[in-house]
Amino acid sequence: MSALRPARASGKVTEAGGATGLTGIQIDTGATGGWGFGASTGDDGTYSMVVLPHRAYELAFHDDNGVYVNGCYADNPPGNFTADGHTCTPVTVGTSEVTEIDVSMPLAPQP
């Protein structure tokens, strides 16, 4: 029996318009089969997380500071981002790294 080798999912989170990388955005996955993983963006807005291969993941993006709208990856421009959790696009991971899962998060309405 061979060991299950992990794969990776990575990308960049920017502000709306895509110019500035966002620091400290939380990325969580929900996978078919109940497995979930998480990461947070670095100083330049990039992230990379280890995931199990041969699964589809919905990537959710959350700003703990409330400056940006929370939502998920959606495979449609502009921004590859939606705040509607019912329209997330699953990302299928095979046996290697899936890159350029990039999103642009709009500013949240401020009171």
N, C-alpha and C. Protein backbone atom coordinates (compact mmCIF):
# COMPACT_ATOMS: atom_id res chain seq x y z
N MET A 1 0.85 -1.16 0.00
CA MET A 1 0.00 0.00 0.00
C MET A 1 0.90 1.24 0.00
N SER A 2 0.66 2.17 -0.91
CA SER A 2 1.46 3.37 -0.97
C SER A 2 0.85 4.46 -0.10
N ALA A 3 1.72 5.33 0.38
CA ALA A 3 1.26 6.44 1.22
C ALA A 3 0.61 7.51 0.34
N LEU A 4 -0.37 8.16 0.90
CA LEU A 4 -1.05 9.24 0.21
C LEU A 4 -0.16 10.47 0.26
N ARG A 5 0.21 10.99 -0.90
CA ARG A 5 1.07 12.17 -0.96
C ARG A 5 0.21 13.42 -1.06
N PRO A 6 0.50 14.40 -0.22
CA PRO A 6 -0.30 15.62 -0.26
C PRO A 6 -0.03 16.43 -1.53
N ALA A 7 -0.98 17.28 -1.86
CA ALA A 7 -0.85 18.21 -2.97
C ALA A 7 -0.90 19.62 -2.38
N ARG A 8 -0.89 20.65 -3.24
CA ARG A 8 -0.94 22.02 -2.77
C ARG A 8 -1.94 22.84 -3.59
N ALA A 9 -2.51 23.83 -2.92
CA ALA A 9 -3.34 24.84 -3.58
C ALA A 9 -2.75 26.19 -3.20
N SER A 10 -2.55 27.06 -4.20
CA SER A 10 -1.92 28.34 -3.90
C SER A 10 -2.45 29.44 -4.81
N GLY A 11 -2.24 30.67 -4.37
CA GLY A 11 -2.67 31.81 -5.17
C GLY A 11 -2.35 33.11 -4.47
N LYS A 12 -3.05 34.16 -4.87
CA LYS A 12 -2.84 35.49 -4.31
C LYS A 12 -4.19 36.17 -4.08
N VAL A 13 -4.28 36.88 -2.96
CA VAL A 13 -5.48 37.64 -2.62
C VAL A 13 -5.12 39.12 -2.68
N THR A 14 -5.89 39.87 -3.47
CA THR A 14 -5.64 41.29 -3.63
C THR A 14 -6.89 42.09 -3.32
N GLU A 15 -6.71 43.40 -3.19
CA GLU A 15 -7.86 44.28 -3.06
C GLU A 15 -8.51 44.39 -4.43
N ALA A 16 -9.75 44.86 -4.47
CA ALA A 16 -10.47 44.98 -5.74
C ALA A 16 -9.62 45.78 -6.72
N GLY A 17 -9.50 45.31 -7.92
CA GLY A 17 -8.63 45.92 -8.91
C GLY A 17 -7.33 45.16 -9.06
N GLY A 18 -6.96 44.37 -8.07
CA GLY A 18 -5.83 43.47 -8.19
C GLY A 18 -4.45 44.05 -8.01
N ALA A 19 -4.33 45.29 -7.55
CA ALA A 19 -3.00 45.89 -7.47
C ALA A 19 -2.25 45.57 -6.17
N THR A 20 -2.95 45.56 -5.04
CA THR A 20 -2.28 45.42 -3.75
C THR A 20 -2.63 44.08 -3.11
N GLY A 21 -1.60 43.31 -2.72
CA GLY A 21 -1.81 42.05 -2.01
C GLY A 21 -2.29 42.31 -0.59
N LEU A 22 -3.23 41.49 -0.12
CA LEU A 22 -3.80 41.65 1.22
C LEU A 22 -3.15 40.69 2.21
N THR A 23 -2.70 41.23 3.32
CA THR A 23 -2.05 40.47 4.39
C THR A 23 -3.07 39.95 5.39
N GLY A 24 -2.88 38.73 5.87
CA GLY A 24 -3.68 38.20 6.97
C GLY A 24 -5.08 37.74 6.62
N ILE A 25 -5.37 37.54 5.34
CA ILE A 25 -6.67 37.00 4.96
C ILE A 25 -6.65 35.50 5.23
N GLN A 26 -7.71 34.99 5.87
CA GLN A 26 -7.81 33.57 6.18
C GLN A 26 -8.44 32.83 5.00
N ILE A 27 -7.84 31.72 4.62
CA ILE A 27 -8.38 30.88 3.56
C ILE A 27 -8.70 29.52 4.17
N ASP A 28 -9.94 29.09 3.99
CA ASP A 28 -10.38 27.80 4.50
C ASP A 28 -10.94 26.99 3.35
N THR A 29 -10.77 25.69 3.43
CA THR A 29 -11.31 24.80 2.41
C THR A 29 -12.41 23.95 2.99
N GLY A 30 -13.34 23.61 2.17
CA GLY A 30 -14.34 22.61 2.49
C GLY A 30 -14.22 21.58 1.39
N ALA A 31 -13.93 20.37 1.73
CA ALA A 31 -13.70 19.36 0.70
C ALA A 31 -14.83 18.35 0.71
N THR A 32 -15.08 17.79 -0.46
CA THR A 32 -16.01 16.68 -0.51
C THR A 32 -15.39 15.55 0.30
N GLY A 33 -16.14 14.93 1.13
CA GLY A 33 -15.59 13.88 1.98
C GLY A 33 -15.26 14.38 3.38
N GLY A 34 -15.49 15.67 3.66
CA GLY A 34 -15.37 16.16 5.02
C GLY A 34 -14.02 16.68 5.45
N TRP A 35 -12.99 16.65 4.62
CA TRP A 35 -11.68 17.14 5.02
C TRP A 35 -11.60 18.62 4.75
N GLY A 36 -11.01 19.38 5.67
CA GLY A 36 -10.82 20.80 5.47
C GLY A 36 -9.43 21.24 5.90
N PHE A 37 -8.91 22.28 5.25
CA PHE A 37 -7.58 22.80 5.54
C PHE A 37 -7.65 24.31 5.56
N GLY A 38 -6.60 24.96 6.04
CA GLY A 38 -6.60 26.40 6.08
C GLY A 38 -5.21 26.98 5.94
N ALA A 39 -5.18 28.28 5.65
CA ALA A 39 -3.93 29.04 5.53
C ALA A 39 -4.28 30.50 5.69
N SER A 40 -3.27 31.34 5.73
CA SER A 40 -3.49 32.78 5.71
C SER A 40 -2.47 33.41 4.77
N THR A 41 -2.82 34.58 4.25
CA THR A 41 -1.96 35.23 3.28
C THR A 41 -0.76 35.87 3.98
N GLY A 42 0.35 35.88 3.25
CA GLY A 42 1.56 36.53 3.73
C GLY A 42 1.54 38.02 3.43
N ASP A 43 2.67 38.68 3.65
CA ASP A 43 2.77 40.13 3.47
C ASP A 43 2.44 40.59 2.05
N ASP A 44 2.67 39.73 1.07
CA ASP A 44 2.41 40.11 -0.33
C ASP A 44 1.07 39.60 -0.84
N GLY A 45 0.27 38.99 0.04
CA GLY A 45 -1.05 38.49 -0.34
C GLY A 45 -1.06 37.06 -0.86
N THR A 46 0.10 36.42 -0.91
CA THR A 46 0.13 35.05 -1.42
C THR A 46 -0.17 34.04 -0.31
N TYR A 47 -0.66 32.88 -0.73
CA TYR A 47 -0.92 31.78 0.19
C TYR A 47 -0.61 30.46 -0.50
N SER A 48 -0.35 29.46 0.30
CA SER A 48 -0.14 28.11 -0.19
C SER A 48 -0.52 27.17 0.94
N MET A 49 -1.30 26.15 0.61
CA MET A 49 -1.71 25.20 1.64
C MET A 49 -1.61 23.77 1.13
N VAL A 50 -1.28 22.89 2.03
CA VAL A 50 -1.23 21.47 1.72
C VAL A 50 -2.65 20.94 1.80
N VAL A 51 -3.04 20.17 0.79
CA VAL A 51 -4.37 19.56 0.75
C VAL A 51 -4.23 18.10 0.32
N LEU A 52 -5.27 17.35 0.54
CA LEU A 52 -5.27 15.97 0.06
C LEU A 52 -5.53 15.96 -1.45
N PRO A 53 -4.87 15.07 -2.17
CA PRO A 53 -5.08 15.00 -3.62
C PRO A 53 -6.41 14.34 -3.98
N HIS A 54 -6.79 14.50 -5.23
CA HIS A 54 -7.98 13.84 -5.79
C HIS A 54 -9.27 14.25 -5.09
N ARG A 55 -9.36 15.55 -4.80
CA ARG A 55 -10.56 16.07 -4.15
C ARG A 55 -10.90 17.44 -4.74
N ALA A 56 -12.12 17.85 -4.53
CA ALA A 56 -12.56 19.19 -4.94
C ALA A 56 -12.76 20.02 -3.68
N TYR A 57 -12.25 21.25 -3.70
CA TYR A 57 -12.31 22.13 -2.54
C TYR A 57 -13.01 23.44 -2.90
N GLU A 58 -13.84 23.93 -2.00
CA GLU A 58 -14.37 25.29 -2.11
C GLU A 58 -13.51 26.15 -1.20
N LEU A 59 -12.88 27.16 -1.76
CA LEU A 59 -12.00 28.03 -0.99
C LEU A 59 -12.76 29.26 -0.52
N ALA A 60 -12.80 29.44 0.79
CA ALA A 60 -13.47 30.59 1.40
C ALA A 60 -12.40 31.56 1.90
N PHE A 61 -12.65 32.86 1.69
CA PHE A 61 -11.71 33.91 2.06
C PHE A 61 -12.38 34.81 3.09
N HIS A 62 -11.68 35.01 4.22
CA HIS A 62 -12.28 35.74 5.35
C HIS A 62 -11.29 36.78 5.88
N ASP A 63 -11.78 38.01 6.02
CA ASP A 63 -10.99 39.08 6.61
C ASP A 63 -11.44 39.28 8.05
N ASP A 64 -10.61 38.87 9.01
CA ASP A 64 -10.96 38.98 10.43
C ASP A 64 -11.15 40.43 10.87
N ASN A 65 -10.59 41.39 10.13
CA ASN A 65 -10.70 42.80 10.51
C ASN A 65 -11.96 43.45 9.96
N GLY A 66 -12.69 42.77 9.08
CA GLY A 66 -13.93 43.30 8.54
C GLY A 66 -13.77 44.42 7.52
N VAL A 67 -12.55 44.63 7.01
CA VAL A 67 -12.32 45.68 6.02
C VAL A 67 -12.81 45.24 4.64
N TYR A 68 -12.68 43.94 4.35
CA TYR A 68 -13.05 43.40 3.05
C TYR A 68 -14.22 42.42 3.18
N VAL A 69 -14.99 42.30 2.13
CA VAL A 69 -16.14 41.39 2.09
C VAL A 69 -15.64 39.95 2.14
N ASN A 70 -16.26 39.12 2.96
CA ASN A 70 -15.94 37.70 3.01
C ASN A 70 -16.66 36.98 1.87
N GLY A 71 -16.04 35.93 1.35
CA GLY A 71 -16.67 35.20 0.26
C GLY A 71 -15.85 34.00 -0.13
N CYS A 72 -15.98 33.59 -1.39
CA CYS A 72 -15.31 32.39 -1.86
C CYS A 72 -14.86 32.55 -3.31
N TYR A 73 -14.04 31.59 -3.73
CA TYR A 73 -13.54 31.57 -5.10
C TYR A 73 -14.69 31.26 -6.05
N ALA A 74 -14.76 32.02 -7.12
CA ALA A 74 -15.75 31.79 -8.18
C ALA A 74 -15.02 31.97 -9.51
N ASP A 75 -15.07 30.98 -10.35
CA ASP A 75 -14.31 30.99 -11.60
C ASP A 75 -14.97 31.89 -12.64
N ASN A 76 -15.00 33.19 -12.32
CA ASN A 76 -15.53 34.15 -13.28
C ASN A 76 -14.96 35.52 -12.98
N PRO A 77 -14.46 36.20 -13.99
CA PRO A 77 -13.94 37.54 -13.79
C PRO A 77 -15.10 38.51 -13.57
N PRO A 78 -14.95 39.67 -13.02
CA PRO A 78 -13.68 40.14 -12.48
C PRO A 78 -13.47 39.66 -11.05
N GLY A 79 -12.27 39.44 -10.71
CA GLY A 79 -11.89 39.14 -9.34
C GLY A 79 -11.99 37.70 -8.89
N ASN A 80 -12.63 36.82 -9.66
CA ASN A 80 -12.77 35.41 -9.25
C ASN A 80 -13.27 35.28 -7.82
N PHE A 81 -14.23 36.13 -7.44
CA PHE A 81 -14.68 36.20 -6.06
C PHE A 81 -16.18 36.44 -6.03
N THR A 82 -16.85 35.79 -5.09
CA THR A 82 -18.27 36.05 -4.86
C THR A 82 -18.55 36.03 -3.36
N ALA A 83 -19.48 36.86 -2.93
CA ALA A 83 -19.92 36.86 -1.54
C ALA A 83 -21.09 35.89 -1.35
N ASP A 84 -21.59 35.32 -2.43
CA ASP A 84 -22.70 34.36 -2.39
C ASP A 84 -22.14 32.95 -2.24
N GLY A 85 -22.24 32.41 -1.06
CA GLY A 85 -21.71 31.08 -0.77
C GLY A 85 -22.33 29.95 -1.57
N HIS A 86 -23.45 30.23 -2.24
CA HIS A 86 -24.10 29.20 -3.05
C HIS A 86 -23.54 29.14 -4.47
N THR A 87 -22.67 30.08 -4.82
CA THR A 87 -22.13 30.11 -6.18
C THR A 87 -20.62 29.91 -6.22
N CYS A 88 -20.05 29.35 -5.16
CA CYS A 88 -18.61 29.06 -5.14
C CYS A 88 -18.26 28.03 -6.22
N THR A 89 -17.08 28.16 -6.79
CA THR A 89 -16.61 27.20 -7.78
C THR A 89 -15.60 26.27 -7.11
N PRO A 90 -15.87 24.98 -7.03
CA PRO A 90 -14.90 24.05 -6.46
C PRO A 90 -13.62 24.01 -7.30
N VAL A 91 -12.49 23.89 -6.62
CA VAL A 91 -11.19 23.75 -7.26
C VAL A 91 -10.79 22.29 -7.12
N THR A 92 -10.58 21.63 -8.25
CA THR A 92 -10.21 20.22 -8.23
C THR A 92 -8.69 20.10 -8.18
N VAL A 93 -8.21 19.36 -7.19
CA VAL A 93 -6.78 19.14 -7.01
C VAL A 93 -6.47 17.69 -7.35
N GLY A 94 -5.51 17.50 -8.24
CA GLY A 94 -5.08 16.15 -8.62
C GLY A 94 -3.95 15.70 -7.72
N THR A 95 -2.79 15.44 -8.31
CA THR A 95 -1.66 14.92 -7.54
C THR A 95 -0.54 15.94 -7.37
N SER A 96 -0.71 17.14 -7.87
CA SER A 96 0.35 18.15 -7.75
C SER A 96 -0.24 19.47 -7.30
N GLU A 97 0.48 20.55 -7.54
CA GLU A 97 0.04 21.87 -7.10
C GLU A 97 -0.92 22.50 -8.10
N VAL A 98 -1.99 23.07 -7.57
CA VAL A 98 -2.89 23.89 -8.36
C VAL A 98 -2.55 25.33 -8.00
N THR A 99 -2.11 26.10 -8.98
CA THR A 99 -1.64 27.46 -8.72
C THR A 99 -2.59 28.49 -9.32
N GLU A 100 -2.31 29.72 -9.00
CA GLU A 100 -3.04 30.87 -9.53
C GLU A 100 -4.54 30.83 -9.19
N ILE A 101 -4.83 30.39 -7.98
CA ILE A 101 -6.20 30.49 -7.47
C ILE A 101 -6.27 31.87 -6.82
N ASP A 102 -6.36 32.88 -7.68
CA ASP A 102 -6.27 34.28 -7.27
C ASP A 102 -7.67 34.89 -7.14
N VAL A 103 -7.85 35.73 -6.12
CA VAL A 103 -9.10 36.45 -5.96
C VAL A 103 -8.82 37.91 -5.60
N SER A 104 -9.77 38.77 -5.94
CA SER A 104 -9.75 40.17 -5.53
C SER A 104 -10.96 40.41 -4.65
N MET A 105 -10.73 40.88 -3.42
CA MET A 105 -11.81 41.08 -2.44
C MET A 105 -12.22 42.55 -2.42
N PRO A 106 -13.53 42.84 -2.57
CA PRO A 106 -13.99 44.23 -2.49
C PRO A 106 -14.05 44.70 -1.04
N LEU A 107 -14.01 46.02 -0.87
CA LEU A 107 -14.16 46.60 0.46
C LEU A 107 -15.55 46.30 1.01
N ALA A 108 -15.59 46.05 2.32
CA ALA A 108 -16.88 45.84 3.00
C ALA A 108 -17.53 47.18 3.27
N PRO A 109 -18.85 47.24 3.23
CA PRO A 109 -19.55 48.49 3.58
C PRO A 109 -19.21 48.85 5.04
N GLN A 110 -18.91 50.10 5.27
CA GLN A 110 -18.59 50.55 6.62
C GLN A 110 -19.76 51.35 7.18
N PRO A 111 -20.08 51.14 8.47
CA PRO A 111 -21.21 51.86 9.08
C PRO A 111 -20.92 53.35 9.22
